[in-house]
Amino acid sequence: MALEPTAMGRARLRVQRLWRAHVTRRSRRWPLSVRGMLWATLAGITLCALNVASRVLSMNLDVYQAMCMRYIASLALIAPFLLRVGWAGFKPVSVRGQLLRGAVHTVALSLWFTALPHIALADMTALSFTGPIFIMLGAAWFLGEPMRAHRWIAALLGFAGVLVIVGPNLSGQAGWYTMVMLASSPIFAISVLITKAMTRHDSPKVIVLWQTISVSLFTLPLALLNWRAPTAGQWLVILCAGALGTTGHYFMTRAFQAVDVSALQSLRFLDLLWASLWGWFLFSEVPLVTTVLGALVILGATVWAARREARLAG
């Protein structure tokens, strides 16, 4: 009787391997730009779910403790894989560069987590869309990437849509937190550009691991200032946040390997759709009319840019 499940298990594994091989062969026929955009879309969905988990934590724990524990959870989830593969496979070309990126990312995260409990998910996501402007400028100036006209047009149209969305929130009680969230965008852009530069000599798994290590180290002192023991439910959310963060950043790093940073930025505007759905489902946050109008502008720019990229790649 013990042989029956074993045989079934082996058959299931065989089917899974065949399916993965089939998907891999089919996906390799796609243009590199399409594969990069698919990785970026997966990253957007995963990181939006991470934002939900982070917001739940920041509403119940000190924001810096929530930020630290999210990365420590990621490190705990990576540790078994690290022990099995060995440390040699995760050694970066420049430890100093990895720590620099971790420090920059920590500053951006500190601003972002400070504003997170006070801003609706859809508006928070829309505010993060100011980042593509800084990223494209930096990619052209520092990484030498070509700046095609349609990328600028898509980014500017998307930014115009963002202004429609955030306009009502630039005054009143949420105004200060809106400005704090906006301040995090150029700093996140610097982190993204450093990541793109690192993909030239470090693999995605190395970059993700060292981001997790460095941010955990830099945020621990802030977390200890107002530390409170999490409940069982909060531990579950922390573990989910760790898994989502590690997976989402891996997806995004794979996207950076495949496509220029500038080409991916218009796709980030689709994150607004996922954020609106999560906000409505979990927090009863109904998007404003301005959010819907802005999203229509953003979506139009995204579809147009994606079709242009596919035509150029073909």
Protein backbone atom coordinates (compact mmCIF):
# COMPACT_ATOMS: atom_id res chain seq x y z
CA MET A 1 0.00 0.00 0.00
CA ALA A 2 2.95 2.28 0.55
CA LEU A 3 3.99 1.86 -3.09
CA GLU A 4 0.78 3.43 -4.42
CA PRO A 5 1.42 7.00 -3.16
CA THR A 6 5.09 6.74 -4.14
CA ALA A 7 4.22 5.76 -7.69
CA MET A 8 1.64 8.53 -7.87
CA GLY A 9 4.13 11.02 -6.46
CA ARG A 10 6.76 10.07 -9.03
CA ALA A 11 4.23 10.34 -11.84
CA ARG A 12 3.21 13.78 -10.59
CA LEU A 13 6.84 14.93 -10.46
CA ARG A 14 7.38 13.60 -13.99
CA VAL A 15 4.37 15.53 -15.28
CA GLN A 16 5.57 18.69 -13.52
CA ARG A 17 9.04 18.39 -15.08
CA LEU A 18 7.57 17.84 -18.54
CA TRP A 19 5.26 20.83 -18.11
CA ARG A 20 8.12 23.07 -16.94
CA ALA A 21 10.26 21.95 -19.89
CA HIS A 22 7.38 22.65 -22.29
CA VAL A 23 6.78 26.12 -20.83
CA THR A 24 10.50 26.89 -20.92
CA ARG A 25 10.79 25.90 -24.58
CA ARG A 26 7.73 27.93 -25.54
CA SER A 27 8.82 30.99 -23.57
CA ARG A 28 12.28 30.99 -25.16
CA ARG A 29 10.61 31.57 -28.53
CA TRP A 30 9.18 34.85 -27.27
CA PRO A 31 11.13 38.07 -27.86
CA LEU A 32 13.37 39.09 -24.97
CA SER A 33 11.33 42.25 -24.42
CA VAL A 34 8.13 40.21 -24.00
CA ARG A 35 9.81 37.92 -21.45
CA GLY A 36 11.09 40.93 -19.55
CA MET A 37 7.62 42.47 -19.46
CA LEU A 38 6.11 39.19 -18.21
CA TRP A 39 8.67 39.06 -15.38
CA ALA A 40 7.87 42.69 -14.56
CA THR A 41 4.11 41.97 -14.51
CA LEU A 42 4.61 39.05 -12.13
CA ALA A 43 6.77 41.27 -9.95
CA GLY A 44 4.07 43.95 -9.88
CA ILE A 45 1.36 41.51 -8.76
CA THR A 46 3.60 39.95 -6.10
CA LEU A 47 4.92 43.24 -4.73
CA CYS A 48 1.39 44.67 -4.55
CA ALA A 49 0.42 41.73 -2.34
CA LEU A 50 3.55 42.52 -0.29
CA ASN A 51 2.31 46.12 0.13
CA VAL A 52 -0.94 44.77 1.53
CA ALA A 53 0.89 42.60 4.08
CA SER A 54 3.22 45.48 4.98
CA ARG A 55 0.30 47.82 5.52
CA VAL A 56 -1.42 45.33 7.82
CA LEU A 57 1.80 45.04 9.85
CA SER A 58 2.45 48.80 9.98
CA MET A 59 -1.08 49.38 11.28
CA ASN A 60 -0.48 47.03 14.23
CA LEU A 61 3.26 47.29 14.95
CA ASP A 62 5.83 50.09 14.97
CA VAL A 63 6.57 50.85 11.33
CA TYR A 64 10.31 50.26 11.70
CA GLN A 65 9.77 46.95 13.48
CA ALA A 66 7.41 45.90 10.67
CA MET A 67 10.02 46.90 8.07
CA CYS A 68 12.82 45.00 9.85
CA MET A 69 10.83 41.84 10.52
CA ARG A 70 9.66 41.64 6.92
CA TYR A 71 13.31 41.38 5.80
CA ILE A 72 14.35 39.07 8.62
CA ALA A 73 11.51 36.75 7.57
CA SER A 74 12.85 36.80 4.01
CA LEU A 75 16.30 35.93 5.32
CA ALA A 76 14.89 33.02 7.33
CA LEU A 77 13.11 31.67 4.24
CA ILE A 78 16.27 31.96 2.13
CA ALA A 79 18.54 30.35 4.75
CA PRO A 80 17.71 26.66 3.97
CA PHE A 81 18.42 27.22 0.28
CA LEU A 82 21.64 29.04 1.16
CA LEU A 83 22.80 26.16 3.39
CA ARG A 84 22.04 23.60 0.69
CA VAL A 85 23.74 25.45 -2.17
CA GLY A 86 26.63 26.88 -0.15
CA TRP A 87 27.84 30.41 0.52
CA ALA A 88 30.24 30.40 -2.43
CA GLY A 89 27.33 30.57 -4.86
CA PHE A 90 26.11 33.83 -3.29
CA LYS A 91 29.37 35.78 -3.13
CA PRO A 92 28.95 39.14 -4.89
CA VAL A 93 31.54 40.86 -7.04
CA SER A 94 31.44 43.91 -4.71
CA VAL A 95 30.26 43.60 -1.11
CA ARG A 96 30.64 47.37 -0.73
CA GLY A 97 28.30 47.95 -3.67
CA GLN A 98 25.70 45.59 -2.21
CA LEU A 99 25.86 47.37 1.17
CA LEU A 100 25.55 50.75 -0.55
CA ARG A 101 22.43 49.60 -2.34
CA GLY A 102 21.06 48.24 0.94
CA ALA A 103 21.64 51.58 2.67
CA VAL A 104 19.91 53.52 -0.12
CA HIS A 105 16.99 51.08 -0.10
CA THR A 106 16.70 51.38 3.70
CA VAL A 107 16.35 55.18 3.52
CA ALA A 108 13.62 54.88 0.87
CA LEU A 109 11.83 52.17 2.85
CA SER A 110 11.91 54.27 6.03
CA LEU A 111 10.06 57.11 4.30
CA TRP A 112 7.67 54.70 2.60
CA PHE A 113 6.76 52.77 5.75
CA THR A 114 6.25 56.03 7.69
CA ALA A 115 3.50 57.10 5.28
CA LEU A 116 2.11 53.62 4.58
CA PRO A 117 -0.57 53.37 7.34
CA HIS A 118 -2.02 56.78 6.45
CA ILE A 119 -2.54 56.50 2.67
CA ALA A 120 -5.01 54.37 0.68
CA LEU A 121 -3.45 51.49 -1.28
CA ALA A 122 -4.49 52.84 -4.69
CA ASP A 123 -3.17 56.33 -3.90
CA MET A 124 0.04 54.89 -2.43
CA THR A 125 0.64 52.90 -5.60
CA ALA A 126 -0.11 55.92 -7.77
CA LEU A 127 2.40 58.00 -5.82
CA SER A 128 5.10 55.42 -6.49
CA PHE A 129 4.59 55.98 -10.22
CA THR A 130 6.60 59.20 -10.01
CA GLY A 131 9.64 56.91 -9.83
CA PRO A 132 9.81 56.14 -13.59
CA ILE A 133 10.68 59.75 -14.38
CA PHE A 134 13.70 59.61 -12.07
CA ILE A 135 14.61 56.10 -13.25
CA MET A 136 14.56 56.98 -16.95
CA LEU A 137 16.63 60.11 -16.38
CA GLY A 138 19.16 58.15 -14.35
CA ALA A 139 19.22 55.22 -16.81
CA ALA A 140 20.01 57.58 -19.67
CA TRP A 141 22.63 59.61 -17.78
CA PHE A 142 24.40 56.94 -15.72
CA LEU A 143 23.76 53.58 -17.44
CA GLY A 144 23.92 54.80 -21.04
CA GLU A 145 20.58 53.22 -22.02
CA PRO A 146 18.90 54.57 -25.18
CA MET A 147 15.93 56.86 -24.53
CA ARG A 148 13.41 56.23 -27.29
CA ALA A 149 10.68 58.80 -27.83
CA HIS A 150 7.77 56.44 -27.12
CA ARG A 151 9.19 55.63 -23.66
CA TRP A 152 9.26 59.30 -22.74
CA ILE A 153 5.74 59.81 -24.06
CA ALA A 154 4.40 56.78 -22.15
CA ALA A 155 6.09 57.87 -18.92
CA LEU A 156 4.85 61.45 -19.20
CA LEU A 157 1.29 60.33 -19.98
CA GLY A 158 1.43 57.97 -17.02
CA PHE A 159 2.73 60.74 -14.79
CA ALA A 160 -0.11 63.00 -15.95
CA GLY A 161 -2.54 60.27 -14.94
CA VAL A 162 -0.87 60.06 -11.54
CA LEU A 163 -1.32 63.81 -11.01
CA VAL A 164 -5.04 63.39 -11.66
CA ILE A 165 -5.15 60.67 -9.02
CA VAL A 166 -3.14 62.34 -6.27
CA GLY A 167 -4.49 65.88 -6.73
CA PRO A 168 -7.24 65.57 -4.09
CA ASN A 169 -4.71 64.26 -1.52
CA LEU A 170 -2.20 67.09 -1.69
CA SER A 171 -4.14 69.08 0.92
CA GLY A 172 -5.68 68.27 4.28
CA GLN A 173 -4.48 65.80 6.91
CA ALA A 174 -3.00 63.35 4.41
CA GLY A 175 -0.96 66.07 2.73
CA TRP A 176 2.16 65.62 4.88
CA TYR A 177 2.19 61.85 4.48
CA THR A 178 1.64 62.29 0.74
CA MET A 179 4.79 64.39 0.55
CA VAL A 180 6.74 61.82 2.61
CA MET A 181 5.65 59.08 0.22
CA LEU A 182 6.61 61.23 -2.77
CA ALA A 183 10.04 61.86 -1.24
CA SER A 184 10.75 58.13 -1.27
CA SER A 185 10.37 57.89 -5.08
CA PRO A 186 13.71 59.37 -6.21
CA ILE A 187 15.54 57.33 -3.55
CA PHE A 188 13.86 54.12 -4.71
CA ALA A 189 14.87 55.13 -8.25
CA ILE A 190 18.53 55.23 -7.18
CA SER A 191 18.15 51.74 -5.69
CA VAL A 192 16.63 50.47 -8.95
CA LEU A 193 19.48 51.93 -11.00
CA ILE A 194 22.09 50.34 -8.73
CA THR A 195 20.26 47.02 -9.10
CA LYS A 196 20.27 47.32 -12.89
CA ALA A 197 24.01 48.02 -12.87
CA MET A 198 24.61 45.00 -10.62
CA THR A 199 22.79 42.61 -12.97
CA ARG A 200 25.76 42.99 -15.32
CA HIS A 201 27.97 40.96 -12.98
CA ASP A 202 25.78 39.47 -10.21
CA SER A 203 22.92 36.97 -10.57
CA PRO A 204 19.38 37.74 -9.35
CA LYS A 205 19.70 35.35 -6.40
CA VAL A 206 22.89 37.11 -5.20
CA ILE A 207 21.29 40.56 -5.46
CA VAL A 208 18.13 39.49 -3.63
CA LEU A 209 20.09 37.78 -0.83
CA TRP A 210 22.36 40.74 -0.21
CA GLN A 211 19.48 43.19 -0.25
CA THR A 212 17.80 41.07 2.41
CA ILE A 213 20.95 40.89 4.55
CA SER A 214 21.85 44.57 4.29
CA VAL A 215 18.36 45.96 4.90
CA SER A 216 17.91 43.60 7.88
CA LEU A 217 21.15 44.90 9.42
CA PHE A 218 20.41 48.58 8.77
CA THR A 219 16.82 48.47 10.05
CA LEU A 220 17.45 46.40 13.21
CA PRO A 221 18.56 49.38 15.39
CA LEU A 222 15.40 51.32 14.44
CA ALA A 223 13.21 48.28 15.15
CA LEU A 224 14.66 47.75 18.64
CA LEU A 225 13.69 51.26 19.75
CA ASN A 226 9.97 50.37 19.99
CA TRP A 227 10.05 46.56 19.85
CA ARG A 228 6.85 44.66 20.74
CA ALA A 229 6.35 40.91 20.66
CA PRO A 230 4.17 40.00 17.62
CA THR A 231 1.05 37.86 18.01
CA ALA A 232 0.64 34.50 16.24
CA GLY A 233 -1.45 36.16 13.52
CA GLN A 234 1.17 38.87 13.02
CA TRP A 235 3.91 36.23 12.71
CA LEU A 236 1.90 34.62 9.90
CA VAL A 237 1.62 37.95 8.07
CA ILE A 238 5.37 38.55 8.62
CA LEU A 239 6.24 35.20 7.03
CA CYS A 240 3.92 35.91 4.09
CA ALA A 241 5.55 39.33 3.64
CA GLY A 242 8.99 37.73 3.67
CA ALA A 243 8.02 35.19 1.01
CA LEU A 244 6.31 37.79 -1.18
CA GLY A 245 9.20 40.23 -0.91
CA THR A 246 11.84 37.67 -1.85
CA THR A 247 9.80 36.36 -4.77
CA GLY A 248 8.80 39.79 -6.04
CA HIS A 249 12.34 41.19 -6.01
CA TYR A 250 13.61 38.05 -7.76
CA PHE A 251 10.98 38.54 -10.51
CA MET A 252 11.95 42.19 -10.89
CA THR A 253 15.67 41.38 -11.07
CA ARG A 254 14.97 38.82 -13.82
CA ALA A 255 13.07 41.53 -15.69
CA PHE A 256 16.06 43.89 -15.37
CA GLN A 257 18.29 41.21 -16.87
CA ALA A 258 16.06 40.87 -19.93
CA VAL A 259 15.05 44.46 -20.75
CA ASP A 260 16.28 48.00 -20.23
CA VAL A 261 15.01 49.69 -17.07
CA SER A 262 13.26 52.43 -19.06
CA ALA A 263 11.25 49.94 -21.12
CA LEU A 264 9.70 48.40 -18.01
CA GLN A 265 8.49 51.54 -16.28
CA SER A 266 5.21 51.98 -18.14
CA LEU A 267 4.21 48.45 -17.06
CA ARG A 268 4.41 49.47 -13.42
CA PHE A 269 1.28 51.53 -13.91
CA LEU A 270 -0.72 48.28 -14.04
CA ASP A 271 0.05 47.95 -10.33
CA LEU A 272 -2.72 50.48 -9.74
CA LEU A 273 -5.28 47.88 -10.81
CA TRP A 274 -4.01 45.31 -8.30
CA ALA A 275 -3.78 47.93 -5.53
CA SER A 276 -7.35 49.14 -6.13
CA LEU A 277 -8.69 45.58 -5.99
CA TRP A 278 -6.79 44.77 -2.76
CA GLY A 279 -7.81 48.08 -1.16
CA TRP A 280 -11.47 47.52 -1.98
CA PHE A 281 -11.46 43.88 -0.87
CA LEU A 282 -9.53 44.21 2.42
CA PHE A 283 -9.92 47.82 3.55
CA SER A 284 -13.22 48.88 1.90
CA GLU A 285 -11.34 51.63 0.04
CA VAL A 286 -13.38 52.60 -3.00
CA PRO A 287 -11.27 54.42 -5.62
CA LEU A 288 -12.31 58.01 -6.33
CA VAL A 289 -13.49 59.14 -9.76
CA THR A 290 -10.14 60.87 -10.20
CA THR A 291 -8.40 57.54 -9.53
CA VAL A 292 -10.43 55.85 -12.28
CA LEU A 293 -9.82 58.69 -14.77
CA GLY A 294 -6.11 58.71 -14.03
CA ALA A 295 -5.96 54.93 -14.37
CA LEU A 296 -7.53 55.15 -17.85
CA VAL A 297 -4.78 57.54 -18.96
CA ILE A 298 -2.14 55.28 -17.42
CA LEU A 299 -3.55 52.10 -18.95
CA GLY A 300 -3.67 53.68 -22.41
CA ALA A 301 -0.02 54.70 -22.13
CA THR A 302 0.95 51.22 -20.91
CA VAL A 303 -0.75 49.35 -23.76
CA TRP A 304 0.62 51.71 -26.37
CA ALA A 305 4.19 51.43 -25.05
CA ALA A 306 4.00 47.63 -24.82
CA ARG A 307 2.85 47.36 -28.44
CA ARG A 308 5.67 49.69 -29.57
CA GLU A 309 8.26 47.59 -27.69
CA ALA A 310 6.94 44.34 -29.23
CA ARG A 311 7.01 45.86 -32.73
CA LEU A 312 10.60 47.07 -32.30
CA ALA A 313 11.70 43.70 -30.90
CA GLY A 314 10.09 41.85 -33.82
